Structures are given as structure tokens and as C-alpha cells.
Amino acid sequence: MAEFEKIIQKIDDFVWGIPSIVLILCCGIFLTLRLGGVQFRKLWLALKYMFSEEKDGNGEISSFGALCTALSATIGTGNIVGVATAIAAGGPGALFWMEVAALFGMATKYSEGLLAVKYRIKDGNGKMLGGPFYYIENGMGSKWKWLGKIFAVFGVLVGLMGIGTFTQINSITSAVNNFFDPNKENVVSLLESDYTIAQIVAGLIITVMAALIIIGGIKSIAKVSEIFIPFMVVIYVSCCLLIIFSNLSAVPDAVAEIFKGAFGARAVAGGALGAMIVAMQKGIARGIFSNEAGLGSAPIAAAAAKTNEPVRQGLVTMTGTFIDTILVCTMTGLTIVMSGCLEKNPQLEGVEITNAAFCSGLPFPEKISSFLLMICLIFFAFTTILGWNYYSERCLSYLTASNNKAILTFRILYIIAVFIGPYMTVSAVWGIADIFNGLMAIPNIIALFALSGVVAKETKDYFNRIK
């Protein structure tokens, strides 16, 4: 296993090297400039559109439902575990680069949502289908269909072997284990390794529940997401704010640590540039993992929204990045840096880091603090499992012309992947997820550059009409 993890790490470092970071950041910066900073100028309008339905819009679910479905796939372990992993690997400065990527990523997410609605199609059953593979094929032309297929292949793999399954269930079972059996007193030997009964039982329960909801498709997933996501975001952000306001004196030092780490100021002489690159790499990689701006996943859900206005849905879609990273990830990162838990216990990894921050920061007994974090993580990660199943199925439908047997086979494999996720190591799980994230983003970023003129024209026409 140790050799396997080394191989995964080498591939991860290559995929998420400087070229990938520059490509994704440049796309966000380019779109921000070409669209006149639409994510800043129209943020309040976007937040307003979140809760106001468009009359006579075509689609399967409401715009809010589409946003919650997208958020169900984005707000997950990336917000709780991914931020912690980024800070552990890249230092406090990773949080700064995560925020920078998110600010420009909002323009990317806006463009994805707009193009998803503009180039979506209706299948024989009356369902709206859309996403990068359709705006690549229909927007860039049929000669680029191969690029859409490449995206779809990576979309299937990233759901099956990355964001959708392994990382989510692994984090859920780790959180349950940390709460119910932190000393690993009740263990069972499987595959030459010891696993707690709490891990095994939690994995089985989540697997069964996911299987039951996945059968219902997009409408079932949207209904679950509309209930759980707003409720859990409020609870989680409230806990983080309580930690911050209970320890206000530690905020200035934490902010200073973040900025120093972002530019390598904490490194010894000569190592500043290297430290800065590591902080950028880990921060941007985890930021993309969390908010998925540039990956092309959110437009798959956006295409199902009841709307006739591509720009309107683009605005709603970009609020996902604002909520996910600017709001939730910032709260997580600040509480971790404020707590100093990594300096006290550098051996901590994954959810253990955030748990330590909650236990030291919240004015509650440790058991209550751990329980609150566990509940948030379980619901966030569980809805991500559901959302990414839908994304990957749509990618597979594009590849197989909606072959029902292929979809059924995929669902079985997806559930199996959820089932085995708890028994994989943390580093291997996140490494695999990072690799498929990076590969999935490349075809989508190419399409966003190519279709940026369409996005700019649609944006200008829409705002001229509503004046």
C-alpha cells in the first residue's frame, strides 16, 4: 500500500502542477475581465434570483433545486476535511489561495451555468440534458465531440473513484469512528487491517440509504438536497462563527499567519518561493475540489433548471462558489488556524484536524462539539454522494446514448465503491480524487475559453433587456 500511495502522490503532483494551476486561474481571470467582473457587480442580483422562481420556465426542477443539487455535490468533505488537508500540507497560506481561486472561479461558474442552459437539449422522454459535453459539441461544433467524450469519461471516473464515493464515505466513517470509538477498542480484522465496528456499521448504513435515494433520480436527489443543504449550512456556519466570536483575540494572529503563509514569509531563507508554490498548489487544488469551479460538474445540474434565461441561471449557479468557498471554507480554515491544533499535534490528518479545532474552540464539552461536527460532515458528505451519482450518470448517458443497462451497471458499481470507501487510506483517497479532478477540468476549461465570446454576448444582451 505504501508503494501505491507514492505512485498516486507522483501522479497527483504532475496533474496539479504549475501548468494546471495557471490554466484554471487564468481562465477565471480571463472571464472576470471579459465579463467586466460580473461576479462582483451582480452578486446581490444573483442572491436574489436564488429564491425567486422564473415564470413559465422550461425544465425539471426549480433554479433553487438545481442550485441545491449542485451544492449537495460541492458542499461536502472538501469544506470540512479538504480545507484541513490543504492547511496540513500547504500551511495556513493555502486558505488564502483557496479564496483567490474562488473569487475568480465565480466567473468560471457563471459561464458554466449560462452555457449549460443555452446549449442543453431535450431527450425523447422530455428531460433536459446539458453540461460541458453538450456545450462542447453544440457550441464549439461537432468536430469537437471527441473533447466532450473525454470530459464525460473523466466525469464518470471522478464520480465513481473520487469526489462522489471514496472521499465522502471515508470521511463519514472516520468522523463516526472518532466520536464513538476514538481509541479503537472494538475492532474487526479485514484484509489484514483492523477496522472498528463503528466504521463498518456506518459504512453499511450510508451505502443502503444512498442506494435507496439514487433510484429516484434527479427529482429525488433535489428534494433531499433542498431540505438538508440550507439547514446544515446554517448549523455549520453558526458553529464556526461561535468559535470565532468566542476567541476574537486570536483572529488577528490567525489572519496574519494566513497571509504570511500565502507568500512564503514563514519559510526559512531561500525557501519562500517553494513554500508559496506548495501553498498555492494545495490551496487551489482543494478549492477546486470543494467548489468545483472549472470542473464542469455544476452545469450538469443547472441544465435541469426551470428557466428560459441562460444568464439568470448562470448567476444562480455562481452563488454556489460564493456559499461553498467564500463562506463555508473560510469559516473552516479560520477556525483551524485559530486553534493552532496542527502545531500542537502535527500527526493529525483529515477530519481529526477540524474535530480538534471544534473541540478546542466551541464553548461546549468535547463530546458535544465532536457530535455537532460529525452530524454536519455526515449530511454534507451524504448529499455529495447523491449529487455526484447524478453527474456521473449524465456523463455515462452521453457516452452510451442513454443505454439503460449501462446506467444500471454503473449504479451497482457506484454503490460498491461507496461500500469499499471506508477501507481505503486517507492519503490515497484524496490523491485519487485530486487526479481525476484535474483531468476533468482540462476539456471544460478549453471549452470556456473557446465560448467566452458567446458568454459575453449573452450577458450583454440580457442586462440590456432588463434595464
Foldseek 3Di string as FASTA:
>chain_A
DVVLLVVLVVLLCVLLDPVLLCLLLVLLVVLCVLQVNCCVVCQVVLVVLLPDFDPQFAFDAALVLLQLLLLLQQQALLLQFLLVQLCLFQNLQLLVLLVSSLSSLLSLLLLLLLLFQVQWDADPVRHTFGWLLRCQPVVVHVVRNVLSLLLLVLLLCLCQQASQAQQQLQQLLVLQCCQPPVPQPAWDDDPNDTDHPSSQVSLVVLLVVLLVQLVVASVSLSVLSVPPVVVLLVLQLVLLVQLCVQPVVLQVVLVVRNVCQCQQVVPDPPCRVVSNSSSNSSSNLSSCSNQVRLLTQSSRSSSRHRHPASSSSSSNSSVSSCSGRVRSNVSQSSLLSSLCVCVVPVVDHGNRSSLSSQCRRHPDHSSVSSVSVSVSNNSSSSSSNSSSLNSSLSSVCVVVVNDVVVNVVSSVSSSVSNSCSNVDDPSSRNSSSSSSSSSSSVSSSVSCVVCSVVVSVSSVVVVVVVD
